[in-house]
């Protein structure tokens, strides 16, 4: 089989359900996109089903316990600065070295 290209573009729509598919098929821009592309409308998510771990799973083919992306928090190596959805927190210790705290 002859390879058509060396590139692959993956477009992921956050929070889109297979139940939404009949609706988006009727939208003009999605019609054009779907007409010329491959797609999968029945996908099972991983746990936790949040954006960064899901995208890492799509790209690597591995579960979060193997690729290590477990939430939407960005850790900048060599710093103690965490950037997350709606948070910007400076920690005194390296986050990956902190012991988990139990909530009572």
N, C-alpha and C. Protein backbone atom coordinates (compact mmCIF):
# COMPACT_ATOMS: atom_id res chain seq x y z
N UNK A 1 0.83 -1.17 0.00
CA UNK A 1 0.00 0.00 0.00
C UNK A 1 0.88 1.24 0.00
N UNK A 2 0.61 2.18 -0.90
CA UNK A 2 1.41 3.39 -1.01
C UNK A 2 1.00 4.41 0.05
N UNK A 3 2.00 4.96 0.73
CA UNK A 3 1.76 5.98 1.73
C UNK A 3 1.39 7.28 1.02
N UNK A 4 0.30 7.92 1.47
CA UNK A 4 -0.15 9.16 0.86
C UNK A 4 0.55 10.39 1.43
N UNK A 5 0.97 10.31 2.68
CA UNK A 5 1.60 11.45 3.33
C UNK A 5 2.43 10.99 4.51
N UNK A 6 3.34 11.84 4.95
CA UNK A 6 4.13 11.57 6.15
C UNK A 6 3.55 12.26 7.37
N UNK A 7 2.43 12.95 7.20
CA UNK A 7 1.86 13.73 8.28
C UNK A 7 0.46 13.26 8.63
N UNK A 8 0.12 13.43 9.90
CA UNK A 8 -1.21 13.11 10.38
C UNK A 8 -1.66 14.27 11.26
N UNK A 9 -2.84 14.79 11.01
CA UNK A 9 -3.41 15.84 11.83
C UNK A 9 -4.57 15.24 12.60
N UNK A 10 -4.51 15.37 13.92
CA UNK A 10 -5.57 14.87 14.79
C UNK A 10 -6.31 16.07 15.35
N UNK A 11 -7.61 16.12 15.13
CA UNK A 11 -8.45 17.18 15.67
C UNK A 11 -9.35 16.55 16.73
N UNK A 12 -9.26 17.08 17.92
CA UNK A 12 -10.05 16.55 19.03
C UNK A 12 -11.00 17.63 19.51
N UNK A 13 -12.26 17.28 19.67
CA UNK A 13 -13.26 18.22 20.17
C UNK A 13 -13.61 17.84 21.60
N UNK A 14 -13.22 18.72 22.52
CA UNK A 14 -13.50 18.49 23.93
C UNK A 14 -15.00 18.49 24.18
N UNK A 15 -15.44 17.56 24.99
CA UNK A 15 -16.85 17.46 25.44
C UNK A 15 -17.83 17.15 24.32
N UNK A 16 -17.37 16.60 23.24
CA UNK A 16 -18.28 16.21 22.16
C UNK A 16 -18.66 14.74 22.37
N UNK A 17 -19.93 14.47 22.40
CA UNK A 17 -20.44 13.13 22.62
C UNK A 17 -20.88 12.52 21.29
N UNK A 18 -20.94 11.20 21.23
CA UNK A 18 -21.47 10.55 20.02
C UNK A 18 -22.94 10.93 19.82
N UNK A 19 -23.60 11.34 20.90
CA UNK A 19 -24.98 11.80 20.78
C UNK A 19 -25.08 13.13 20.03
N UNK A 20 -23.98 13.88 19.97
CA UNK A 20 -23.94 15.15 19.25
C UNK A 20 -23.72 14.96 17.75
N UNK A 21 -23.29 13.77 17.35
CA UNK A 21 -22.89 13.54 15.97
C UNK A 21 -23.99 13.86 14.94
N UNK A 22 -25.23 13.43 15.15
CA UNK A 22 -26.27 13.78 14.17
C UNK A 22 -26.45 15.29 14.01
N UNK A 23 -26.22 16.04 15.08
CA UNK A 23 -26.36 17.49 15.02
C UNK A 23 -25.21 18.11 14.24
N UNK A 24 -23.96 17.72 14.57
CA UNK A 24 -22.83 18.35 13.88
C UNK A 24 -22.75 17.96 12.41
N UNK A 25 -23.30 16.81 12.04
CA UNK A 25 -23.31 16.41 10.64
C UNK A 25 -24.13 17.38 9.78
N UNK A 26 -25.02 18.12 10.40
CA UNK A 26 -25.87 19.06 9.67
C UNK A 26 -25.26 20.46 9.58
N UNK A 27 -24.19 20.72 10.30
CA UNK A 27 -23.56 22.03 10.28
C UNK A 27 -22.63 22.15 9.07
N UNK A 28 -22.74 23.24 8.30
CA UNK A 28 -22.00 23.35 7.03
C UNK A 28 -20.48 23.13 7.14
N UNK A 29 -19.83 23.71 8.12
CA UNK A 29 -18.38 23.56 8.23
C UNK A 29 -17.99 22.14 8.62
N UNK A 30 -18.77 21.53 9.50
CA UNK A 30 -18.51 20.14 9.86
C UNK A 30 -18.81 19.20 8.69
N UNK A 31 -19.82 19.50 7.90
CA UNK A 31 -20.12 18.68 6.72
C UNK A 31 -18.91 18.63 5.81
N UNK A 32 -18.31 19.77 5.57
CA UNK A 32 -17.13 19.84 4.69
C UNK A 32 -15.96 19.07 5.30
N UNK A 33 -15.75 19.23 6.58
CA UNK A 33 -14.67 18.52 7.26
C UNK A 33 -14.89 17.01 7.20
N UNK A 34 -16.10 16.56 7.50
CA UNK A 34 -16.41 15.14 7.52
C UNK A 34 -16.41 14.51 6.14
N UNK A 35 -16.72 15.30 5.12
CA UNK A 35 -16.77 14.79 3.76
C UNK A 35 -15.39 14.34 3.26
N UNK A 36 -14.34 15.01 3.71
CA UNK A 36 -13.00 14.76 3.18
C UNK A 36 -12.05 14.13 4.19
N UNK A 37 -12.54 13.68 5.31
CA UNK A 37 -11.66 13.17 6.35
C UNK A 37 -12.16 11.86 6.93
N UNK A 38 -11.25 11.18 7.62
CA UNK A 38 -11.63 10.00 8.39
C UNK A 38 -12.01 10.44 9.79
N UNK A 39 -12.90 9.72 10.42
CA UNK A 39 -13.30 10.06 11.78
C UNK A 39 -13.78 8.81 12.49
N UNK A 40 -13.83 8.94 13.80
CA UNK A 40 -14.33 7.87 14.63
C UNK A 40 -15.36 8.48 15.56
N UNK A 41 -16.59 7.99 15.50
CA UNK A 41 -17.63 8.59 16.33
C UNK A 41 -17.96 7.78 17.58
N UNK A 42 -17.38 6.62 17.74
CA UNK A 42 -17.61 5.81 18.94
C UNK A 42 -16.27 5.54 19.61
N UNK A 43 -15.93 6.39 20.56
CA UNK A 43 -14.66 6.29 21.26
C UNK A 43 -14.94 6.13 22.75
N UNK A 44 -14.20 5.25 23.41
CA UNK A 44 -14.31 5.11 24.85
C UNK A 44 -13.22 5.95 25.49
N UNK A 45 -13.58 6.67 26.53
CA UNK A 45 -12.60 7.52 27.20
C UNK A 45 -11.77 6.72 28.20
N UNK A 46 -10.80 7.38 28.77
CA UNK A 46 -9.95 6.80 29.80
C UNK A 46 -10.33 7.43 31.13
N UNK A 47 -9.72 6.97 32.22
CA UNK A 47 -9.93 7.59 33.51
C UNK A 47 -8.60 8.12 34.01
N UNK A 48 -8.50 9.36 34.37
CA UNK A 48 -9.56 10.36 34.44
C UNK A 48 -9.88 10.90 33.04
N UNK A 49 -11.13 11.17 32.80
CA UNK A 49 -11.54 11.64 31.47
C UNK A 49 -11.47 13.16 31.39
N UNK A 50 -10.25 13.66 31.46
CA UNK A 50 -9.99 15.09 31.33
C UNK A 50 -9.05 15.30 30.15
N UNK A 51 -9.01 16.52 29.65
CA UNK A 51 -8.38 16.82 28.36
C UNK A 51 -6.94 16.33 28.22
N UNK A 52 -6.02 16.77 29.07
CA UNK A 52 -4.61 16.43 28.86
C UNK A 52 -4.34 14.92 28.91
N UNK A 53 -4.87 14.20 29.92
CA UNK A 53 -4.66 12.75 29.90
C UNK A 53 -5.26 12.07 28.67
N UNK A 54 -6.45 12.52 28.24
CA UNK A 54 -7.06 11.93 27.05
C UNK A 54 -6.20 12.17 25.81
N UNK A 55 -5.71 13.38 25.64
CA UNK A 55 -4.88 13.68 24.47
C UNK A 55 -3.56 12.92 24.51
N UNK A 56 -2.97 12.79 25.69
CA UNK A 56 -1.74 12.00 25.81
C UNK A 56 -2.00 10.54 25.45
N UNK A 57 -3.16 10.01 25.82
CA UNK A 57 -3.52 8.64 25.47
C UNK A 57 -3.71 8.49 23.96
N UNK A 58 -4.37 9.47 23.34
CA UNK A 58 -4.56 9.43 21.88
C UNK A 58 -3.20 9.38 21.17
N UNK A 59 -2.27 10.23 21.61
CA UNK A 59 -0.97 10.35 20.95
C UNK A 59 -0.08 9.14 21.21
N UNK A 60 -0.10 8.62 22.44
CA UNK A 60 0.83 7.54 22.80
C UNK A 60 0.23 6.14 22.68
N UNK A 61 -1.11 6.05 22.76
CA UNK A 61 -1.74 4.74 22.78
C UNK A 61 -1.62 4.05 24.13
N UNK A 62 -1.21 4.81 25.15
CA UNK A 62 -1.02 4.23 26.49
C UNK A 62 -2.01 4.86 27.47
N UNK A 63 -2.30 4.14 28.54
CA UNK A 63 -3.16 4.66 29.60
C UNK A 63 -2.36 5.62 30.48
N UNK A 64 -3.06 6.49 31.26
CA UNK A 64 -2.37 7.46 32.11
C UNK A 64 -1.33 6.86 33.06
N UNK A 65 -1.59 5.66 33.57
CA UNK A 65 -0.60 5.06 34.47
C UNK A 65 0.69 4.71 33.74
N UNK A 66 0.68 4.71 32.42
CA UNK A 66 1.90 4.43 31.63
C UNK A 66 2.53 5.70 31.07
N UNK A 67 1.71 6.67 30.61
CA UNK A 67 2.31 7.89 30.05
C UNK A 67 2.52 8.98 31.08
N UNK A 68 1.88 8.89 32.26
CA UNK A 68 2.16 9.79 33.36
C UNK A 68 1.36 11.09 33.40
N UNK A 69 0.54 11.36 32.40
CA UNK A 69 -0.28 12.57 32.42
C UNK A 69 -1.60 12.21 33.10
N UNK A 70 -1.80 12.74 34.30
CA UNK A 70 -2.96 12.31 35.09
C UNK A 70 -3.97 13.42 35.36
N UNK A 71 -3.65 14.66 34.98
CA UNK A 71 -4.59 15.76 35.17
C UNK A 71 -4.27 16.91 34.22
N UNK A 72 -4.97 18.02 34.35
CA UNK A 72 -4.76 19.16 33.46
C UNK A 72 -3.79 20.19 34.03
N UNK A 73 -3.01 19.81 35.02
CA UNK A 73 -2.03 20.72 35.61
C UNK A 73 -0.72 20.60 34.86
N UNK A 74 -0.15 21.75 34.50
CA UNK A 74 1.14 21.77 33.83
C UNK A 74 2.24 21.91 34.86
N UNK A 75 3.22 21.06 34.82
CA UNK A 75 4.39 21.14 35.69
C UNK A 75 5.57 21.52 34.82
N UNK A 76 6.20 22.62 35.14
CA UNK A 76 7.39 23.03 34.41
C UNK A 76 8.60 22.43 35.10
N UNK A 77 9.29 21.47 34.47
CA UNK A 77 10.45 20.82 35.10
C UNK A 77 11.48 21.85 35.56
N UNK A 78 12.07 21.61 36.73
CA UNK A 78 13.08 22.49 37.26
C UNK A 78 12.52 23.67 38.04
N UNK A 79 11.20 23.77 38.13
CA UNK A 79 10.59 24.86 38.90
C UNK A 79 9.58 24.27 39.86
N UNK A 80 9.08 25.10 40.74
CA UNK A 80 8.00 24.66 41.62
C UNK A 80 6.72 25.37 41.24
N UNK A 81 6.61 25.77 39.99
CA UNK A 81 5.47 26.53 39.52
C UNK A 81 4.48 25.61 38.82
N UNK A 82 3.26 25.57 39.32
CA UNK A 82 2.19 24.78 38.70
C UNK A 82 1.25 25.73 37.99
N UNK A 83 0.85 25.36 36.79
CA UNK A 83 -0.15 26.13 36.06
C UNK A 83 -1.30 25.19 35.77
N UNK A 84 -2.49 25.54 36.18
CA UNK A 84 -3.64 24.67 35.96
C UNK A 84 -4.82 25.46 35.45
N UNK A 85 -5.88 24.76 35.16
CA UNK A 85 -7.10 25.40 34.71
C UNK A 85 -7.65 26.24 35.86
N UNK A 86 -7.58 27.56 35.72
CA UNK A 86 -8.13 28.44 36.73
C UNK A 86 -7.26 28.64 37.96
N UNK A 87 -6.03 28.08 37.96
CA UNK A 87 -5.15 28.29 39.11
C UNK A 87 -3.78 28.72 38.64
N UNK A 88 -3.08 29.43 39.49
CA UNK A 88 -1.68 29.80 39.25
C UNK A 88 -1.05 29.83 40.64
N UNK A 89 -0.41 28.72 41.01
CA UNK A 89 0.03 28.53 42.38
C UNK A 89 1.54 28.34 42.44
N UNK A 90 2.17 28.99 43.40
CA UNK A 90 3.60 28.79 43.64
C UNK A 90 3.75 27.89 44.86
N UNK A 91 4.43 26.77 44.71
CA UNK A 91 4.61 25.83 45.82
C UNK A 91 6.02 25.96 46.37
N UNK A 92 6.19 25.61 47.65
CA UNK A 92 7.50 25.69 48.29
C UNK A 92 8.38 24.49 47.96
N UNK A 93 7.76 23.37 47.61
CA UNK A 93 8.50 22.16 47.28
C UNK A 93 8.18 21.76 45.85
N UNK A 94 9.00 20.89 45.31
CA UNK A 94 8.71 20.36 43.99
C UNK A 94 7.45 19.51 44.09
N UNK A 95 6.42 19.75 43.24
CA UNK A 95 5.16 19.01 43.34
C UNK A 95 5.35 17.49 43.25
N UNK A 96 6.28 17.04 42.42
CA UNK A 96 6.43 15.60 42.24
C UNK A 96 7.16 14.95 43.42
N UNK A 97 7.68 15.77 44.35
CA UNK A 97 8.35 15.24 45.52
C UNK A 97 7.48 15.34 46.76
N UNK A 98 6.33 15.98 46.65
CA UNK A 98 5.46 16.16 47.80
C UNK A 98 4.73 14.87 48.13
N UNK A 99 4.51 14.62 49.40
CA UNK A 99 3.75 13.45 49.82
C UNK A 99 2.26 13.82 49.75
N UNK A 100 1.42 12.90 49.31
CA UNK A 100 -0.01 13.19 49.27
C UNK A 100 -0.57 13.41 50.67
N UNK A 101 -1.51 14.33 50.80
CA UNK A 101 -2.14 14.60 52.08
C UNK A 101 -3.55 14.02 52.05
N UNK A 102 -3.92 13.35 53.11
CA UNK A 102 -5.26 12.77 53.20
C UNK A 102 -6.23 13.83 53.69
N UNK A 103 -7.38 13.92 53.05
CA UNK A 103 -8.42 14.85 53.48
C UNK A 103 -9.28 14.15 54.52
N UNK A 104 -9.64 14.88 55.60
CA UNK A 104 -10.47 14.26 56.63
C UNK A 104 -11.90 14.73 56.52
